[in-house]
Amino acid sequence: MSQLQPPPTSLLDRYHGEEALALYTGRVRVSGGEAAHGRASGVVKSDDGALDVNLRMPIELGGPGGGSNPEQLLAAGYAACFHGALTLLASRAGVELTDLAVDAAVTFARDPVDGLFLLSADIRVSLPGLDRALAAELVRNTERICPYAKMFRHGIDHVVAVANEHDSPHVRPNPISRSRAGLESRPSGRPLPRGR
């Protein structure tokens, strides 16, 4: 196996197009496991087999702990993406980073607006030895380009639909294509009608 390398800084070059250009789609399937409940005993498997995780309710939510949970997985994705974007920005600017670390916290909470649930995130970036003003500028610029930061700030295009019985577990249309007319959920930021 070859040595791991970061992507080229050309990844930061601006894209000019009319529609989003999909670069990669990660696919996972969650089954219910022993308790037939994705959060309590779910099993997460990626289509390429690289991810195989048992989910458990954390002790704080009345569960036994002993496994990962959706908040940890989302926090890991956010922190990894932010770390990578910041590294690319620093490299392009000729700024050498030493021991960069990104800590992410994703909180599952009750929503005072609808009485149900919401998520919030907190990202803390450690840039030891770097001038504080330069560190703040790098973090601010990273927040502008990191897709996870943009998702938390602006929402995300998404599709929620009932799968066809003949669909392969991991083969789904790319949500960016919007080719499944009539099956899309409402765009982010627009509330769904409440049940009566």
N, C-alpha and C. Protein backbone atom coordinates (compact mmCIF):
# COMPACT_ATOMS: atom_id res chain seq x y z
N MET A 1 0.84 -1.19 0.00
CA MET A 1 0.00 0.00 0.00
C MET A 1 0.88 1.24 0.00
N SER A 2 0.51 2.24 -0.79
CA SER A 2 1.31 3.46 -0.88
C SER A 2 1.08 4.33 0.35
N GLN A 3 2.02 5.24 0.57
CA GLN A 3 1.94 6.14 1.71
C GLN A 3 0.76 7.10 1.55
N LEU A 4 0.05 7.34 2.64
CA LEU A 4 -1.11 8.24 2.60
C LEU A 4 -0.65 9.67 2.37
N GLN A 5 -1.36 10.37 1.51
CA GLN A 5 -1.04 11.75 1.16
C GLN A 5 -2.30 12.60 1.21
N PRO A 6 -2.17 13.88 1.57
CA PRO A 6 -3.35 14.76 1.50
C PRO A 6 -3.68 15.04 0.05
N PRO A 7 -4.91 15.46 -0.21
CA PRO A 7 -5.27 15.83 -1.58
C PRO A 7 -4.50 17.08 -2.01
N PRO A 8 -4.41 17.34 -3.30
CA PRO A 8 -3.70 18.55 -3.76
C PRO A 8 -4.49 19.81 -3.41
N THR A 9 -3.77 20.91 -3.27
CA THR A 9 -4.45 22.17 -2.95
C THR A 9 -5.33 22.64 -4.11
N SER A 10 -5.16 22.06 -5.29
CA SER A 10 -6.03 22.41 -6.43
C SER A 10 -7.49 22.05 -6.13
N LEU A 11 -7.71 21.21 -5.13
CA LEU A 11 -9.08 20.90 -4.72
C LEU A 11 -9.82 22.17 -4.30
N LEU A 12 -9.05 23.19 -3.89
CA LEU A 12 -9.65 24.46 -3.47
C LEU A 12 -10.00 25.37 -4.64
N ASP A 13 -9.59 25.01 -5.87
CA ASP A 13 -9.92 25.84 -7.03
C ASP A 13 -11.43 25.94 -7.17
N ARG A 14 -11.91 27.12 -7.50
CA ARG A 14 -13.35 27.34 -7.60
C ARG A 14 -13.95 26.58 -8.78
N TYR A 15 -15.13 26.04 -8.55
CA TYR A 15 -15.90 25.36 -9.58
C TYR A 15 -16.91 26.35 -10.14
N HIS A 16 -17.06 26.39 -11.44
CA HIS A 16 -18.03 27.26 -12.09
C HIS A 16 -18.98 26.38 -12.88
N GLY A 17 -20.20 26.28 -12.41
CA GLY A 17 -21.19 25.45 -13.08
C GLY A 17 -22.59 25.86 -12.66
N GLU A 18 -23.55 25.37 -13.37
CA GLU A 18 -24.96 25.70 -13.09
C GLU A 18 -25.53 24.86 -11.96
N GLU A 19 -25.04 23.61 -11.82
CA GLU A 19 -25.55 22.70 -10.79
C GLU A 19 -24.39 22.13 -10.00
N ALA A 20 -24.72 21.56 -8.85
CA ALA A 20 -23.70 20.92 -8.03
C ALA A 20 -23.05 19.79 -8.81
N LEU A 21 -21.76 19.64 -8.65
CA LEU A 21 -21.01 18.58 -9.33
C LEU A 21 -20.61 17.56 -8.26
N ALA A 22 -21.25 16.41 -8.26
CA ALA A 22 -20.96 15.38 -7.25
C ALA A 22 -19.55 14.84 -7.46
N LEU A 23 -18.76 14.79 -6.39
CA LEU A 23 -17.40 14.26 -6.44
C LEU A 23 -17.31 12.87 -5.81
N TYR A 24 -18.13 12.63 -4.80
CA TYR A 24 -18.12 11.35 -4.10
C TYR A 24 -19.41 11.24 -3.30
N THR A 25 -19.95 10.04 -3.21
CA THR A 25 -21.13 9.79 -2.38
C THR A 25 -20.82 8.64 -1.45
N GLY A 26 -20.83 8.90 -0.15
CA GLY A 26 -20.67 7.84 0.85
C GLY A 26 -22.03 7.20 1.09
N ARG A 27 -22.07 5.88 1.14
CA ARG A 27 -23.34 5.19 1.34
C ARG A 27 -23.22 4.21 2.51
N VAL A 28 -24.21 4.26 3.38
CA VAL A 28 -24.27 3.32 4.49
C VAL A 28 -25.68 2.79 4.60
N ARG A 29 -25.80 1.65 5.26
CA ARG A 29 -27.11 1.10 5.60
C ARG A 29 -27.11 0.86 7.10
N VAL A 30 -28.21 1.24 7.75
CA VAL A 30 -28.38 0.99 9.17
C VAL A 30 -29.51 -0.02 9.32
N SER A 31 -29.24 -1.11 10.02
CA SER A 31 -30.28 -2.07 10.37
C SER A 31 -30.51 -1.98 11.88
N GLY A 32 -31.62 -2.52 12.34
CA GLY A 32 -32.04 -2.32 13.73
C GLY A 32 -31.32 -3.13 14.79
N GLY A 33 -30.70 -4.23 14.42
CA GLY A 33 -30.00 -5.05 15.41
C GLY A 33 -30.94 -5.69 16.41
N GLU A 34 -30.39 -6.08 17.54
CA GLU A 34 -31.09 -6.86 18.57
C GLU A 34 -32.40 -6.23 19.04
N ALA A 35 -32.39 -4.92 19.29
CA ALA A 35 -33.59 -4.24 19.78
C ALA A 35 -34.47 -3.72 18.64
N ALA A 36 -34.09 -4.01 17.40
CA ALA A 36 -34.82 -3.54 16.22
C ALA A 36 -35.01 -2.02 16.25
N HIS A 37 -33.96 -1.32 16.68
CA HIS A 37 -33.99 0.13 16.82
C HIS A 37 -32.61 0.67 16.45
N GLY A 38 -32.56 1.49 15.39
CA GLY A 38 -31.28 1.99 14.88
C GLY A 38 -30.40 2.66 15.91
N ARG A 39 -30.99 3.43 16.81
CA ARG A 39 -30.19 4.14 17.82
C ARG A 39 -29.77 3.22 18.95
N ALA A 40 -30.65 2.32 19.35
CA ALA A 40 -30.39 1.49 20.53
C ALA A 40 -29.47 0.31 20.24
N SER A 41 -29.60 -0.27 19.05
CA SER A 41 -28.79 -1.47 18.75
C SER A 41 -28.47 -1.58 17.26
N GLY A 42 -28.45 -0.44 16.60
CA GLY A 42 -28.24 -0.44 15.15
C GLY A 42 -26.88 -0.94 14.74
N VAL A 43 -26.81 -1.40 13.50
CA VAL A 43 -25.56 -1.80 12.88
C VAL A 43 -25.40 -0.95 11.63
N VAL A 44 -24.28 -0.23 11.53
CA VAL A 44 -23.99 0.63 10.39
C VAL A 44 -22.95 -0.06 9.53
N LYS A 45 -23.27 -0.22 8.24
CA LYS A 45 -22.31 -0.82 7.32
C LYS A 45 -22.27 0.02 6.05
N SER A 46 -21.05 0.31 5.60
CA SER A 46 -20.89 1.04 4.35
C SER A 46 -20.90 0.07 3.18
N ASP A 47 -21.21 0.59 2.01
CA ASP A 47 -21.30 -0.26 0.82
C ASP A 47 -19.95 -0.86 0.43
N ASP A 48 -18.84 -0.21 0.83
CA ASP A 48 -17.52 -0.73 0.48
C ASP A 48 -16.92 -1.60 1.58
N GLY A 49 -17.66 -1.78 2.70
CA GLY A 49 -17.20 -2.62 3.79
C GLY A 49 -16.20 -1.96 4.73
N ALA A 50 -15.80 -0.73 4.45
CA ALA A 50 -14.80 -0.06 5.30
C ALA A 50 -15.37 0.34 6.65
N LEU A 51 -16.67 0.57 6.72
CA LEU A 51 -17.30 0.98 7.97
C LEU A 51 -18.26 -0.11 8.42
N ASP A 52 -18.07 -0.56 9.65
CA ASP A 52 -18.94 -1.59 10.25
C ASP A 52 -18.98 -1.27 11.74
N VAL A 53 -20.02 -0.57 12.16
CA VAL A 53 -20.08 -0.02 13.51
C VAL A 53 -21.37 -0.44 14.20
N ASN A 54 -21.27 -0.84 15.46
CA ASN A 54 -22.43 -1.12 16.29
C ASN A 54 -22.82 0.15 17.03
N LEU A 55 -24.10 0.51 16.94
CA LEU A 55 -24.60 1.69 17.63
C LEU A 55 -25.24 1.29 18.95
N ARG A 56 -25.08 2.15 19.94
CA ARG A 56 -25.70 1.95 21.25
C ARG A 56 -26.16 3.30 21.79
N MET A 57 -27.23 3.28 22.55
CA MET A 57 -27.69 4.50 23.22
C MET A 57 -26.66 4.87 24.28
N PRO A 58 -26.23 6.12 24.31
CA PRO A 58 -25.30 6.53 25.36
C PRO A 58 -25.98 6.50 26.73
N ILE A 59 -25.19 6.38 27.74
CA ILE A 59 -25.70 6.33 29.12
C ILE A 59 -26.56 7.56 29.41
N GLU A 60 -26.16 8.73 28.88
CA GLU A 60 -26.89 9.98 29.13
C GLU A 60 -28.31 9.94 28.58
N LEU A 61 -28.57 9.05 27.63
CA LEU A 61 -29.92 8.91 27.07
C LEU A 61 -30.63 7.66 27.59
N GLY A 62 -30.10 7.08 28.67
CA GLY A 62 -30.74 5.94 29.29
C GLY A 62 -30.31 4.59 28.73
N GLY A 63 -29.29 4.60 27.87
CA GLY A 63 -28.81 3.35 27.29
C GLY A 63 -27.62 2.79 28.05
N PRO A 64 -27.09 1.65 27.58
CA PRO A 64 -25.97 1.02 28.26
C PRO A 64 -24.61 1.56 27.83
N GLY A 65 -24.56 2.38 26.77
CA GLY A 65 -23.27 2.79 26.22
C GLY A 65 -22.61 1.58 25.56
N GLY A 66 -21.30 1.63 25.41
CA GLY A 66 -20.59 0.49 24.88
C GLY A 66 -20.54 0.41 23.37
N GLY A 67 -21.00 1.45 22.68
CA GLY A 67 -20.93 1.50 21.22
C GLY A 67 -20.96 2.94 20.79
N SER A 68 -20.82 3.17 19.52
CA SER A 68 -20.88 4.54 19.02
C SER A 68 -22.33 4.98 18.89
N ASN A 69 -22.53 6.21 18.44
CA ASN A 69 -23.88 6.74 18.27
C ASN A 69 -23.85 7.77 17.14
N PRO A 70 -25.03 8.15 16.64
CA PRO A 70 -25.07 9.08 15.51
C PRO A 70 -24.35 10.41 15.77
N GLU A 71 -24.42 10.91 16.98
CA GLU A 71 -23.77 12.18 17.28
C GLU A 71 -22.24 12.06 17.16
N GLN A 72 -21.68 10.95 17.65
CA GLN A 72 -20.24 10.75 17.52
C GLN A 72 -19.83 10.63 16.06
N LEU A 73 -20.62 9.91 15.28
CA LEU A 73 -20.28 9.72 13.87
C LEU A 73 -20.35 11.05 13.11
N LEU A 74 -21.37 11.87 13.39
CA LEU A 74 -21.47 13.17 12.76
C LEU A 74 -20.32 14.08 13.20
N ALA A 75 -20.00 14.05 14.50
CA ALA A 75 -18.89 14.86 15.01
C ALA A 75 -17.57 14.45 14.35
N ALA A 76 -17.38 13.15 14.15
CA ALA A 76 -16.16 12.66 13.50
C ALA A 76 -16.06 13.17 12.07
N GLY A 77 -17.17 13.09 11.33
CA GLY A 77 -17.17 13.58 9.96
C GLY A 77 -16.90 15.07 9.88
N TYR A 78 -17.54 15.83 10.76
CA TYR A 78 -17.36 17.28 10.79
C TYR A 78 -15.91 17.63 11.11
N ALA A 79 -15.37 17.04 12.17
CA ALA A 79 -14.00 17.36 12.58
C ALA A 79 -12.99 16.97 11.50
N ALA A 80 -13.17 15.81 10.88
CA ALA A 80 -12.24 15.36 9.85
C ALA A 80 -12.28 16.28 8.64
N CYS A 81 -13.47 16.67 8.22
CA CYS A 81 -13.60 17.56 7.07
C CYS A 81 -13.00 18.93 7.37
N PHE A 82 -13.29 19.46 8.54
CA PHE A 82 -12.76 20.78 8.92
C PHE A 82 -11.24 20.73 8.99
N HIS A 83 -10.70 19.68 9.57
CA HIS A 83 -9.26 19.50 9.67
C HIS A 83 -8.64 19.49 8.27
N GLY A 84 -9.24 18.71 7.38
CA GLY A 84 -8.70 18.61 6.02
C GLY A 84 -8.76 19.93 5.27
N ALA A 85 -9.89 20.64 5.38
CA ALA A 85 -10.04 21.92 4.69
C ALA A 85 -9.05 22.95 5.23
N LEU A 86 -8.87 22.97 6.55
CA LEU A 86 -7.94 23.92 7.15
C LEU A 86 -6.51 23.61 6.71
N THR A 87 -6.17 22.34 6.65
CA THR A 87 -4.83 21.94 6.22
C THR A 87 -4.56 22.40 4.78
N LEU A 88 -5.55 22.22 3.91
CA LEU A 88 -5.38 22.66 2.52
C LEU A 88 -5.23 24.17 2.43
N LEU A 89 -6.06 24.92 3.16
CA LEU A 89 -5.95 26.38 3.15
C LEU A 89 -4.58 26.83 3.65
N ALA A 90 -4.12 26.24 4.73
CA ALA A 90 -2.82 26.62 5.28
C ALA A 90 -1.70 26.30 4.29
N SER A 91 -1.78 25.14 3.67
CA SER A 91 -0.77 24.75 2.68
C SER A 91 -0.74 25.72 1.51
N ARG A 92 -1.91 26.08 1.02
CA ARG A 92 -1.97 27.01 -0.12
C ARG A 92 -1.42 28.38 0.28
N ALA A 93 -1.60 28.79 1.54
CA ALA A 93 -1.11 30.09 2.01
C ALA A 93 0.35 30.03 2.46
N GLY A 94 0.95 28.84 2.43
CA GLY A 94 2.34 28.71 2.85
C GLY A 94 2.52 28.76 4.36
N VAL A 95 1.46 28.43 5.09
CA VAL A 95 1.52 28.43 6.56
C VAL A 95 1.78 27.00 7.03
N GLU A 96 2.85 26.83 7.79
CA GLU A 96 3.18 25.50 8.30
C GLU A 96 2.44 25.25 9.61
N LEU A 97 1.74 24.13 9.68
CA LEU A 97 0.99 23.78 10.88
C LEU A 97 1.69 22.65 11.62
N THR A 98 1.69 22.75 12.93
CA THR A 98 2.27 21.71 13.78
C THR A 98 1.22 21.24 14.77
N ASP A 99 0.93 19.96 14.76
CA ASP A 99 0.00 19.36 15.73
C ASP A 99 -1.41 19.97 15.68
N LEU A 100 -1.88 20.29 14.49
CA LEU A 100 -3.26 20.76 14.33
C LEU A 100 -4.21 19.69 14.85
N ALA A 101 -5.18 20.09 15.64
CA ALA A 101 -6.22 19.17 16.14
C ALA A 101 -7.56 19.88 16.10
N VAL A 102 -8.60 19.13 15.75
CA VAL A 102 -9.95 19.68 15.72
C VAL A 102 -10.82 18.82 16.63
N ASP A 103 -11.44 19.46 17.60
CA ASP A 103 -12.37 18.79 18.50
C ASP A 103 -13.78 19.20 18.11
N ALA A 104 -14.65 18.22 17.93
CA ALA A 104 -16.03 18.49 17.57
C ALA A 104 -16.96 17.88 18.61
N ALA A 105 -17.99 18.63 18.95
CA ALA A 105 -19.04 18.13 19.83
C ALA A 105 -20.37 18.32 19.11
N VAL A 106 -21.13 17.26 18.97
CA VAL A 106 -22.47 17.34 18.40
C VAL A 106 -23.45 16.98 19.52
N THR A 107 -24.37 17.88 19.79
CA THR A 107 -25.30 17.72 20.90
C THR A 107 -26.71 17.42 20.38
N PHE A 108 -27.29 16.37 20.92
CA PHE A 108 -28.68 15.98 20.66
C PHE A 108 -29.50 16.62 21.78
N ALA A 109 -30.49 17.45 21.44
CA ALA A 109 -31.21 18.21 22.46
C ALA A 109 -32.69 18.27 22.14
N ARG A 110 -33.45 18.70 23.13
CA ARG A 110 -34.87 18.96 22.93
C ARG A 110 -35.01 20.33 22.26
N ASP A 111 -35.97 20.42 21.33
CA ASP A 111 -36.18 21.63 20.55
C ASP A 111 -37.32 22.45 21.18
N PRO A 112 -37.03 23.68 21.65
CA PRO A 112 -38.08 24.48 22.26
C PRO A 112 -39.10 24.99 21.25
N VAL A 113 -38.78 24.93 19.95
CA VAL A 113 -39.70 25.43 18.93
C VAL A 113 -40.83 24.44 18.67
N ASP A 114 -40.46 23.17 18.39
CA ASP A 114 -41.52 22.19 18.08
C ASP A 114 -41.69 21.14 19.18
N GLY A 115 -40.92 21.24 20.25
CA GLY A 115 -41.04 20.29 21.35
C GLY A 115 -40.40 18.95 21.08
N LEU A 116 -39.73 18.79 19.94
CA LEU A 116 -39.12 17.50 19.59
C LEU A 116 -37.61 17.55 19.77
N PHE A 117 -36.84 17.44 18.70
CA PHE A 117 -35.39 17.32 18.84
C PHE A 117 -34.65 18.20 17.86
N LEU A 118 -33.40 18.52 18.19
CA LEU A 118 -32.51 19.25 17.30
C LEU A 118 -31.07 18.85 17.59
N LEU A 119 -30.20 19.21 16.67
CA LEU A 119 -28.76 19.00 16.84
C LEU A 119 -28.06 20.34 16.83
N SER A 120 -26.98 20.44 17.57
CA SER A 120 -26.10 21.60 17.49
C SER A 120 -24.67 21.08 17.49
N ALA A 121 -23.76 21.92 17.03
CA ALA A 121 -22.36 21.50 16.94
C ALA A 121 -21.46 22.59 17.47
N ASP A 122 -20.33 22.18 18.02
CA ASP A 122 -19.32 23.08 18.55
C ASP A 122 -17.97 22.57 18.06
N ILE A 123 -17.23 23.39 17.33
CA ILE A 123 -15.93 23.01 16.80
C ILE A 123 -14.87 23.88 17.48
N ARG A 124 -13.83 23.24 17.99
CA ARG A 124 -12.70 23.95 18.60
C ARG A 124 -11.44 23.50 17.89
N VAL A 125 -10.66 24.46 17.41
CA VAL A 125 -9.48 24.16 16.62
C VAL A 125 -8.24 24.54 17.42
N SER A 126 -7.33 23.59 17.57
CA SER A 126 -6.08 23.82 18.28
C SER A 126 -4.95 23.98 17.26
N LEU A 127 -4.33 25.16 17.26
CA LEU A 127 -3.23 25.48 16.35
C LEU A 127 -2.04 25.96 17.17
N PRO A 128 -1.38 25.04 17.88
CA PRO A 128 -0.29 25.45 18.77
C PRO A 128 0.85 26.13 18.02
N GLY A 129 1.36 27.19 18.64
CA GLY A 129 2.51 27.90 18.09
C GLY A 129 2.18 28.88 16.98
N LEU A 130 0.93 28.97 16.57
CA LEU A 130 0.54 29.87 15.48
C LEU A 130 0.02 31.17 16.06
N ASP A 131 0.40 32.29 15.45
CA ASP A 131 -0.09 33.59 15.86
C ASP A 131 -1.62 33.56 15.96
N ARG A 132 -2.16 34.10 17.03
CA ARG A 132 -3.60 33.98 17.28
C ARG A 132 -4.44 34.64 16.17
N ALA A 133 -4.01 35.78 15.66
CA ALA A 133 -4.76 36.45 14.60
C ALA A 133 -4.76 35.62 13.32
N LEU A 134 -3.61 35.03 12.99
CA LEU A 134 -3.52 34.17 11.81
C LEU A 134 -4.37 32.92 12.01
N ALA A 135 -4.33 32.35 13.21
CA ALA A 135 -5.13 31.17 13.51
C ALA A 135 -6.62 31.48 13.34
N ALA A 136 -7.06 32.63 13.85
CA ALA A 136 -8.47 33.01 13.74
C ALA A 136 -8.86 33.21 12.27
N GLU A 137 -7.97 33.78 11.47
CA GLU A 137 -8.25 33.98 10.05
C GLU A 137 -8.38 32.65 9.32
N LEU A 138 -7.48 31.72 9.63
CA LEU A 138 -7.55 30.39 9.01
C LEU A 138 -8.84 29.68 9.37
N VAL A 139 -9.22 29.74 10.63
CA VAL A 139 -10.46 29.07 11.08
C VAL A 139 -11.67 29.72 10.42
N ARG A 140 -11.69 31.04 10.36
CA ARG A 140 -12.82 31.75 9.73
C ARG A 140 -12.93 31.38 8.25
N ASN A 141 -11.80 31.35 7.55
CA ASN A 141 -11.83 30.99 6.13
C ASN A 141 -12.19 29.53 5.92
N THR A 142 -11.77 28.67 6.82
CA THR A 142 -12.12 27.25 6.73
C THR A 142 -13.62 27.08 6.92
N GLU A 143 -14.20 27.83 7.83
CA GLU A 143 -15.64 27.73 8.06
C GLU A 143 -16.42 28.10 6.80
N ARG A 144 -15.86 28.96 5.98
CA ARG A 144 -16.53 29.38 4.74
C ARG A 144 -16.52 28.29 3.67
N ILE A 145 -15.52 27.39 3.70
CA ILE A 145 -15.41 26.40 2.63
C ILE A 145 -15.73 24.97 3.06
N CYS A 146 -15.64 24.66 4.34
CA CYS A 146 -15.89 23.29 4.81
C CYS A 146 -17.37 22.95 4.59
N PRO A 147 -17.66 21.88 3.81
CA PRO A 147 -19.06 21.56 3.54
C PRO A 147 -19.87 21.21 4.79
N TYR A 148 -19.23 20.66 5.80
CA TYR A 148 -19.97 20.37 7.03
C TYR A 148 -20.36 21.67 7.73
N ALA A 149 -19.44 22.63 7.78
CA ALA A 149 -19.76 23.93 8.38
C ALA A 149 -20.88 24.60 7.60
N LYS A 150 -20.81 24.52 6.26
CA LYS A 150 -21.86 25.11 5.43
C LYS A 150 -23.19 24.41 5.68
N MET A 151 -23.16 23.08 5.86
CA MET A 151 -24.39 22.33 6.13
C MET A 151 -25.03 22.80 7.44
N PHE A 152 -24.22 22.94 8.48
CA PHE A 152 -24.77 23.36 9.77
C PHE A 152 -25.28 24.79 9.70
N ARG A 153 -24.63 25.63 8.91
CA ARG A 153 -25.03 27.02 8.82
C ARG A 153 -26.25 27.24 7.93
N HIS A 154 -26.31 26.55 6.80
CA HIS A 154 -27.35 26.82 5.80
C HIS A 154 -28.34 25.68 5.59
N GLY A 155 -28.12 24.53 6.17
CA GLY A 155 -28.94 23.37 5.87
C GLY A 155 -28.33 22.58 4.72
N ILE A 156 -29.04 21.57 4.26
CA ILE A 156 -28.50 20.67 3.26
C ILE A 156 -29.62 20.22 2.33
N ASP A 157 -29.31 20.09 1.05
CA ASP A 157 -30.27 19.48 0.13
C ASP A 157 -30.37 18.01 0.50
N HIS A 158 -31.58 17.51 0.62
CA HIS A 158 -31.72 16.11 0.98
C HIS A 158 -33.01 15.53 0.40
N VAL A 159 -33.00 14.23 0.26
CA VAL A 159 -34.16 13.50 -0.23
C VAL A 159 -34.51 12.45 0.82
N VAL A 160 -35.77 12.38 1.18
CA VAL A 160 -36.27 11.34 2.07
C VAL A 160 -37.41 10.67 1.33
N ALA A 161 -37.29 9.37 1.06
CA ALA A 161 -38.29 8.68 0.27
C ALA A 161 -38.38 7.22 0.69
N VAL A 162 -39.48 6.59 0.41
CA VAL A 162 -39.63 5.16 0.62
C VAL A 162 -38.87 4.45 -0.50
N ALA A 163 -38.01 3.51 -0.14
CA ALA A 163 -37.22 2.78 -1.14
C ALA A 163 -38.10 1.79 -1.88
N ASN A 164 -37.79 1.57 -3.14
CA ASN A 164 -38.46 0.53 -3.90
C ASN A 164 -37.97 -0.82 -3.43
N GLU A 165 -38.82 -1.83 -3.46
CA GLU A 165 -38.43 -3.16 -2.99
C GLU A 165 -37.26 -3.73 -3.75
N HIS A 166 -37.12 -3.39 -5.02
CA HIS A 166 -36.04 -3.95 -5.82
C HIS A 166 -34.73 -3.17 -5.72
N ASP A 167 -34.71 -2.05 -4.96
CA ASP A 167 -33.48 -1.27 -4.82
C ASP A 167 -32.43 -2.09 -4.09
N SER A 168 -31.21 -2.03 -4.57
CA SER A 168 -30.08 -2.62 -3.87
C SER A 168 -29.87 -1.81 -2.60
N PRO A 169 -29.42 -2.43 -1.50
CA PRO A 169 -29.28 -1.71 -0.24
C PRO A 169 -28.43 -0.45 -0.33
N HIS A 170 -27.43 -0.45 -1.19
CA HIS A 170 -26.53 0.70 -1.21
C HIS A 170 -26.58 1.48 -2.51
N VAL A 171 -27.50 1.16 -3.41
CA VAL A 171 -27.56 1.87 -4.68
C VAL A 171 -28.77 2.79 -4.66
N ARG A 172 -28.50 4.06 -4.59
CA ARG A 172 -29.54 5.07 -4.57
C ARG A 172 -29.17 6.15 -5.57
N PRO A 173 -30.16 6.81 -6.16
CA PRO A 173 -29.84 7.94 -7.02
C PRO A 173 -29.12 9.01 -6.22
N ASN A 174 -28.24 9.75 -6.86
CA ASN A 174 -27.55 10.84 -6.21
C ASN A 174 -28.58 11.91 -5.86
N PRO A 175 -28.67 12.33 -4.58
CA PRO A 175 -29.69 13.31 -4.21
C PRO A 175 -29.54 14.63 -4.94
N ILE A 176 -28.37 14.92 -5.46
CA ILE A 176 -28.17 16.19 -6.16
C ILE A 176 -28.92 16.19 -7.48
N SER A 177 -29.11 15.01 -8.08
CA SER A 177 -29.72 14.94 -9.41
C SER A 177 -31.21 15.29 -9.40
N ARG A 178 -31.90 15.06 -8.31
CA ARG A 178 -33.32 15.36 -8.17
C ARG A 178 -34.16 14.72 -9.28
N SER A 179 -33.77 13.53 -9.70
CA SER A 179 -34.47 12.88 -10.80
C SER A 179 -35.71 12.13 -10.37
N ARG A 180 -35.94 12.03 -9.07
CA ARG A 180 -37.09 11.27 -8.59
C ARG A 180 -38.23 12.23 -8.29
N ALA A 181 -38.84 12.75 -9.32
CA ALA A 181 -39.89 13.76 -9.18
C ALA A 181 -40.99 13.28 -8.25
N GLY A 182 -41.38 14.16 -7.37
CA GLY A 182 -42.49 13.86 -6.47
C GLY A 182 -42.09 13.10 -5.22
N LEU A 183 -40.84 12.65 -5.12
CA LEU A 183 -40.44 11.88 -3.94
C LEU A 183 -39.53 12.68 -3.01
N GLU A 184 -39.11 13.86 -3.43
CA GLU A 184 -38.20 14.63 -2.59
C GLU A 184 -38.92 15.19 -1.37
N SER A 185 -38.15 15.35 -0.30
CA SER A 185 -38.68 16.07 0.86
C SER A 185 -38.63 17.56 0.51
N ARG A 186 -39.19 18.36 1.38
CA ARG A 186 -39.13 19.80 1.14
C ARG A 186 -37.68 20.25 1.31
N PRO A 187 -37.26 21.29 0.56
CA PRO A 187 -35.90 21.81 0.71
C PRO A 187 -35.64 22.21 2.15
N SER A 188 -34.37 22.11 2.55
CA SER A 188 -34.02 22.46 3.92
C SER A 188 -34.43 23.90 4.21
N GLY A 189 -34.77 24.15 5.45
CA GLY A 189 -35.17 25.47 5.86
C GLY A 189 -36.67 25.71 5.74
N ARG A 190 -37.39 24.85 5.05
CA ARG A 190 -38.84 24.99 4.95
C ARG A 190 -39.48 23.92 5.80
N PRO A 191 -40.30 24.30 6.77
CA PRO A 191 -40.87 23.31 7.69
C PRO A 191 -41.85 22.38 6.98
N LEU A 192 -41.86 21.14 7.43
CA LEU A 192 -42.86 20.20 6.96
C LEU A 192 -44.16 20.44 7.71
N PRO A 193 -45.31 20.12 7.10
CA PRO A 193 -46.57 20.32 7.82
C PRO A 193 -46.61 19.46 9.07
N ARG A 194 -47.19 19.99 10.10
CA ARG A 194 -47.30 19.24 11.35
C ARG A 194 -48.52 18.33 11.30
N GLY A 195 -48.37 17.17 11.95
CA GLY A 195 -49.50 16.24 12.05
C GLY A 195 -50.55 16.80 12.98
N ARG A 196 -51.77 16.38 12.79
CA ARG A 196 -52.84 16.90 13.66
C ARG A 196 -53.23 15.89 14.69
